[in-house]
């Protein structure tokens, strides 16, 4: 059983919530986390390198002159790689670096990442996070009150434009709905901060996964 404190925006503890480790997969599956992080990093890699071979450049395929009795070196078409404007001898083509994981494995990796943050004391719950208008100063004040001075991932129950606009200029801090959480984003940040509604939704997502596994 893990006991998590709940804070207000002033950084004061107002309540606690208990959650079973079994909700988030019981144990931290490190090999699965490594596989998930490798997949997300590989999927961000762009294989955009490309050069043209002799079959892709413009020009005639006619032999320039006779093979023999000209006193000159043998020559093929104008597209030859030894001529200016010709194709590359060993052209490079875009490569797909993407990797895949089963949906069940990705969801389990996300649960393991969240569980690891809870066990390390880097998971924070705030009672509510309502911003009437974009205010970066108020968001910085809340993070300072919670002593979250380094990188942080903020999770909300739904997309909130005002919260997003308040956070986007703060270095190393990002915000997204918990439905978009993945193992890479959770592990990349030092701390994870979610609202109480977002935490309930995160638990519901993990419970749905556990029920499906059974």
Protein backbone atom coordinates (compact mmCIF):
# COMPACT_ATOMS: atom_id res chain seq x y z
CA UNK A 1 0.00 0.00 0.00
CA UNK A 2 1.37 3.38 -1.05
CA UNK A 3 0.25 6.51 0.80
CA UNK A 4 0.44 9.69 -1.27
CA UNK A 5 0.01 13.19 0.16
CA UNK A 6 -2.35 15.68 -1.47
CA UNK A 7 -1.32 19.33 -1.52
CA UNK A 8 -3.02 22.60 -2.29
CA UNK A 9 -1.55 25.24 -4.60
CA UNK A 10 0.18 26.86 -1.59
CA UNK A 11 2.22 23.69 -1.02
CA UNK A 12 0.39 22.66 2.16
CA UNK A 13 -0.63 19.03 2.72
CA UNK A 14 -4.40 18.82 3.10
CA UNK A 15 -5.11 15.11 2.69
CA UNK A 16 -3.68 11.72 1.78
CA UNK A 17 -4.73 8.96 -0.56
CA UNK A 18 -3.79 5.28 -0.50
CA UNK A 19 -3.33 3.09 -3.54
CA UNK A 20 -2.36 -0.55 -3.94
CA UNK A 21 0.80 -1.37 -5.90
CA UNK A 22 -1.22 -3.99 -7.79
CA UNK A 23 -3.17 -1.18 -9.48
CA UNK A 24 0.01 -0.18 -11.32
CA UNK A 25 1.37 -3.65 -11.97
CA UNK A 26 2.67 -4.57 -8.48
CA UNK A 27 6.36 -4.26 -9.44
CA UNK A 28 8.50 -1.98 -11.59
CA UNK A 29 9.36 -3.88 -14.76
CA UNK A 30 12.72 -2.37 -15.68
CA UNK A 31 13.31 -4.43 -18.81
CA UNK A 32 9.93 -3.39 -20.15
CA UNK A 33 10.71 0.25 -19.35
CA UNK A 34 13.97 0.03 -21.28
CA UNK A 35 12.16 -1.48 -24.24
CA UNK A 36 9.52 1.26 -24.16
CA UNK A 37 12.04 4.11 -23.87
CA UNK A 38 14.08 2.64 -26.74
CA UNK A 39 10.93 2.46 -28.87
CA UNK A 40 9.87 6.06 -28.19
CA UNK A 41 13.36 7.39 -28.88
CA UNK A 42 13.66 5.37 -32.09
CA UNK A 43 10.27 6.60 -33.29
CA UNK A 44 11.50 10.18 -32.93
CA UNK A 45 14.44 9.48 -35.22
CA UNK A 46 14.01 10.71 -38.77
CA UNK A 47 15.78 8.86 -41.57
CA UNK A 48 15.68 11.72 -44.06
CA UNK A 49 19.02 11.17 -45.80
CA UNK A 50 18.59 10.70 -49.54
CA UNK A 51 20.83 10.90 -52.62
CA UNK A 52 20.11 10.17 -56.29
CA UNK A 53 21.57 7.20 -58.08
CA UNK A 54 22.31 7.13 -61.81
CA UNK A 55 18.83 5.79 -62.49
CA UNK A 56 17.22 8.80 -60.79
CA UNK A 57 19.01 11.76 -62.38
CA UNK A 58 17.86 13.38 -65.61
CA UNK A 59 19.74 12.56 -68.79
CA UNK A 60 19.92 10.19 -71.74
CA UNK A 61 20.91 6.57 -71.35
CA UNK A 62 22.67 6.58 -74.73
CA UNK A 63 26.33 5.54 -74.79
CA UNK A 64 28.34 8.70 -75.40
CA UNK A 65 30.67 7.24 -78.04
CA UNK A 66 31.99 3.96 -79.34
CA UNK A 67 33.69 1.57 -76.99
CA UNK A 68 36.90 1.23 -79.04
CA UNK A 69 39.12 3.02 -81.56
CA UNK A 70 38.59 6.52 -80.22
CA UNK A 71 41.75 6.85 -78.15
CA UNK A 72 39.68 7.81 -75.14
CA UNK A 73 38.70 5.98 -72.00
CA UNK A 74 35.56 3.90 -72.10
CA UNK A 75 32.41 5.81 -71.22
CA UNK A 76 28.79 4.89 -70.62
CA UNK A 77 25.88 7.31 -70.38
CA UNK A 78 25.95 10.88 -69.19
CA UNK A 79 24.36 9.70 -65.94
CA UNK A 80 27.56 7.94 -64.91
CA UNK A 81 28.81 8.70 -61.40
CA UNK A 82 32.21 9.81 -62.73
CA UNK A 83 30.65 12.70 -64.67
CA UNK A 84 29.48 16.03 -63.37
CA UNK A 85 25.74 15.96 -62.76
CA UNK A 86 25.68 12.18 -62.74
CA UNK A 87 24.20 9.94 -60.09
CA UNK A 88 25.85 8.83 -56.86
CA UNK A 89 27.59 5.47 -57.02
CA UNK A 90 26.04 4.08 -53.85
CA UNK A 91 22.97 6.24 -53.19
CA UNK A 92 21.43 6.53 -49.73
CA UNK A 93 17.70 6.19 -49.16
CA UNK A 94 15.46 7.14 -46.21
CA UNK A 95 15.44 4.49 -43.50
CA UNK A 96 12.59 3.68 -41.16
CA UNK A 97 13.96 3.47 -37.62
CA UNK A 98 10.58 3.01 -35.94
CA UNK A 99 9.90 0.19 -33.50
CA UNK A 100 6.65 -1.28 -32.23
CA UNK A 101 5.34 -2.72 -28.99
CA UNK A 102 2.03 -4.43 -28.23
CA UNK A 103 -0.59 -2.08 -26.78
CA UNK A 104 -0.75 -4.12 -23.58
CA UNK A 105 3.02 -3.87 -23.13
CA UNK A 106 2.98 -0.09 -23.69
CA UNK A 107 0.24 0.39 -21.11
CA UNK A 108 2.05 -1.83 -18.62
CA UNK A 109 5.25 0.15 -19.19
CA UNK A 110 3.36 3.37 -18.47
CA UNK A 111 2.02 1.90 -15.22
CA UNK A 112 5.52 0.77 -14.22
CA UNK A 113 6.88 4.26 -14.88
CA UNK A 114 4.16 5.84 -12.71
CA UNK A 115 4.75 3.24 -9.97
CA UNK A 116 8.49 3.96 -9.99
CA UNK A 117 7.81 7.67 -9.43
CA UNK A 118 5.50 6.84 -6.51
CA UNK A 119 8.03 4.53 -4.87
CA UNK A 120 10.80 7.13 -5.29
CA UNK A 121 8.71 9.89 -3.72
CA UNK A 122 8.60 11.89 -6.96
CA UNK A 123 4.84 11.71 -7.53
CA UNK A 124 2.77 14.66 -6.33
CA UNK A 125 -0.98 15.23 -6.20
CA UNK A 126 -2.50 18.70 -6.07
CA UNK A 127 -6.09 19.17 -4.98
CA UNK A 128 -7.07 21.30 -7.97
CA UNK A 129 -5.36 23.31 -10.65
CA UNK A 130 -7.71 25.93 -12.02
CA UNK A 131 -6.39 28.93 -13.91
CA UNK A 132 -8.88 31.58 -15.00
CA UNK A 133 -6.36 33.14 -17.39
CA UNK A 134 -2.82 32.29 -18.48
CA UNK A 135 -0.52 33.26 -15.61
CA UNK A 136 3.02 31.90 -15.68
CA UNK A 137 3.85 33.65 -12.40
CA UNK A 138 1.15 31.80 -10.43
CA UNK A 139 2.23 28.47 -11.90
CA UNK A 140 5.85 29.16 -10.96
CA UNK A 141 4.70 30.05 -7.45
CA UNK A 142 2.87 26.74 -7.09
CA UNK A 143 5.88 24.74 -8.33
CA UNK A 144 8.13 26.67 -5.96
CA UNK A 145 5.82 26.00 -3.01
CA UNK A 146 5.97 22.28 -3.78
CA UNK A 147 9.77 22.54 -4.18
CA UNK A 148 9.61 21.30 -7.76
CA UNK A 149 12.55 23.34 -8.97
CA UNK A 150 13.75 20.87 -11.59
CA UNK A 151 12.03 19.12 -14.48
CA UNK A 152 8.36 18.26 -13.96
CA UNK A 153 5.51 16.67 -15.88
CA UNK A 154 2.06 18.07 -15.05
CA UNK A 155 -0.91 15.80 -15.72
CA UNK A 156 -4.48 17.04 -16.01
CA UNK A 157 -7.77 15.17 -16.33
CA UNK A 158 -8.62 16.99 -19.57
CA UNK A 159 -6.86 19.41 -21.87
CA UNK A 160 -6.79 22.86 -20.23
CA UNK A 161 -5.68 25.68 -22.52
CA UNK A 162 -5.01 28.14 -19.68
CA UNK A 163 -2.82 25.66 -17.81
CA UNK A 164 -0.93 24.87 -21.01
CA UNK A 165 -0.32 28.56 -21.77
CA UNK A 166 0.79 29.15 -18.17
CA UNK A 167 3.38 26.36 -18.32
CA UNK A 168 4.79 26.56 -21.84
CA UNK A 169 7.38 29.25 -20.98
CA UNK A 170 8.70 27.46 -17.89
CA UNK A 171 11.92 25.56 -18.69
CA UNK A 172 11.84 21.77 -18.31
CA UNK A 173 8.15 21.74 -17.38
CA UNK A 174 5.49 20.25 -19.65
CA UNK A 175 1.78 19.55 -19.30
CA UNK A 176 -0.53 17.00 -20.91
CA UNK A 177 -3.69 15.02 -20.11
CA UNK A 178 -2.97 11.78 -18.25
CA UNK A 179 -4.62 9.90 -21.11
CA UNK A 180 -1.56 10.86 -23.20
CA UNK A 181 1.00 9.70 -20.62
CA UNK A 182 3.60 7.23 -21.80
CA UNK A 183 6.60 5.62 -20.12
CA UNK A 184 9.13 7.87 -21.85
CA UNK A 185 7.46 11.16 -20.87
CA UNK A 186 6.99 10.02 -17.27
CA UNK A 187 10.58 8.86 -16.83
CA UNK A 188 12.10 11.83 -18.65
CA UNK A 189 10.98 14.29 -15.98
CA UNK A 190 12.30 14.16 -12.43
CA UNK A 191 8.86 14.67 -10.86
CA UNK A 192 5.25 14.06 -11.87
CA UNK A 193 2.47 16.36 -10.64
CA UNK A 194 -1.19 15.50 -11.25
CA UNK A 195 -4.48 16.91 -10.10
CA UNK A 196 -6.80 14.80 -7.95
CA UNK A 197 -9.17 14.31 -10.87
CA UNK A 198 -6.27 13.31 -13.11
CA UNK A 199 -5.06 10.82 -10.48
CA UNK A 200 -8.50 9.22 -10.29
CA UNK A 201 -8.53 8.90 -14.05
CA UNK A 202 -5.02 7.44 -14.07
CA UNK A 203 -6.07 4.84 -11.51
CA UNK A 204 -9.17 4.04 -13.59
CA UNK A 205 -7.03 3.55 -16.69
CA UNK A 206 -4.70 1.19 -14.82
CA UNK A 207 -7.59 -0.72 -13.25
CA UNK A 208 -9.16 -1.16 -16.68
CA UNK A 209 -5.89 -2.59 -17.89
CA UNK A 210 -5.69 -4.98 -14.91
CA UNK A 211 -9.26 -6.19 -15.47
CA UNK A 212 -8.54 -6.72 -19.17
CA UNK A 213 -5.44 -8.74 -18.29
CA UNK A 214 -7.45 -11.00 -16.01
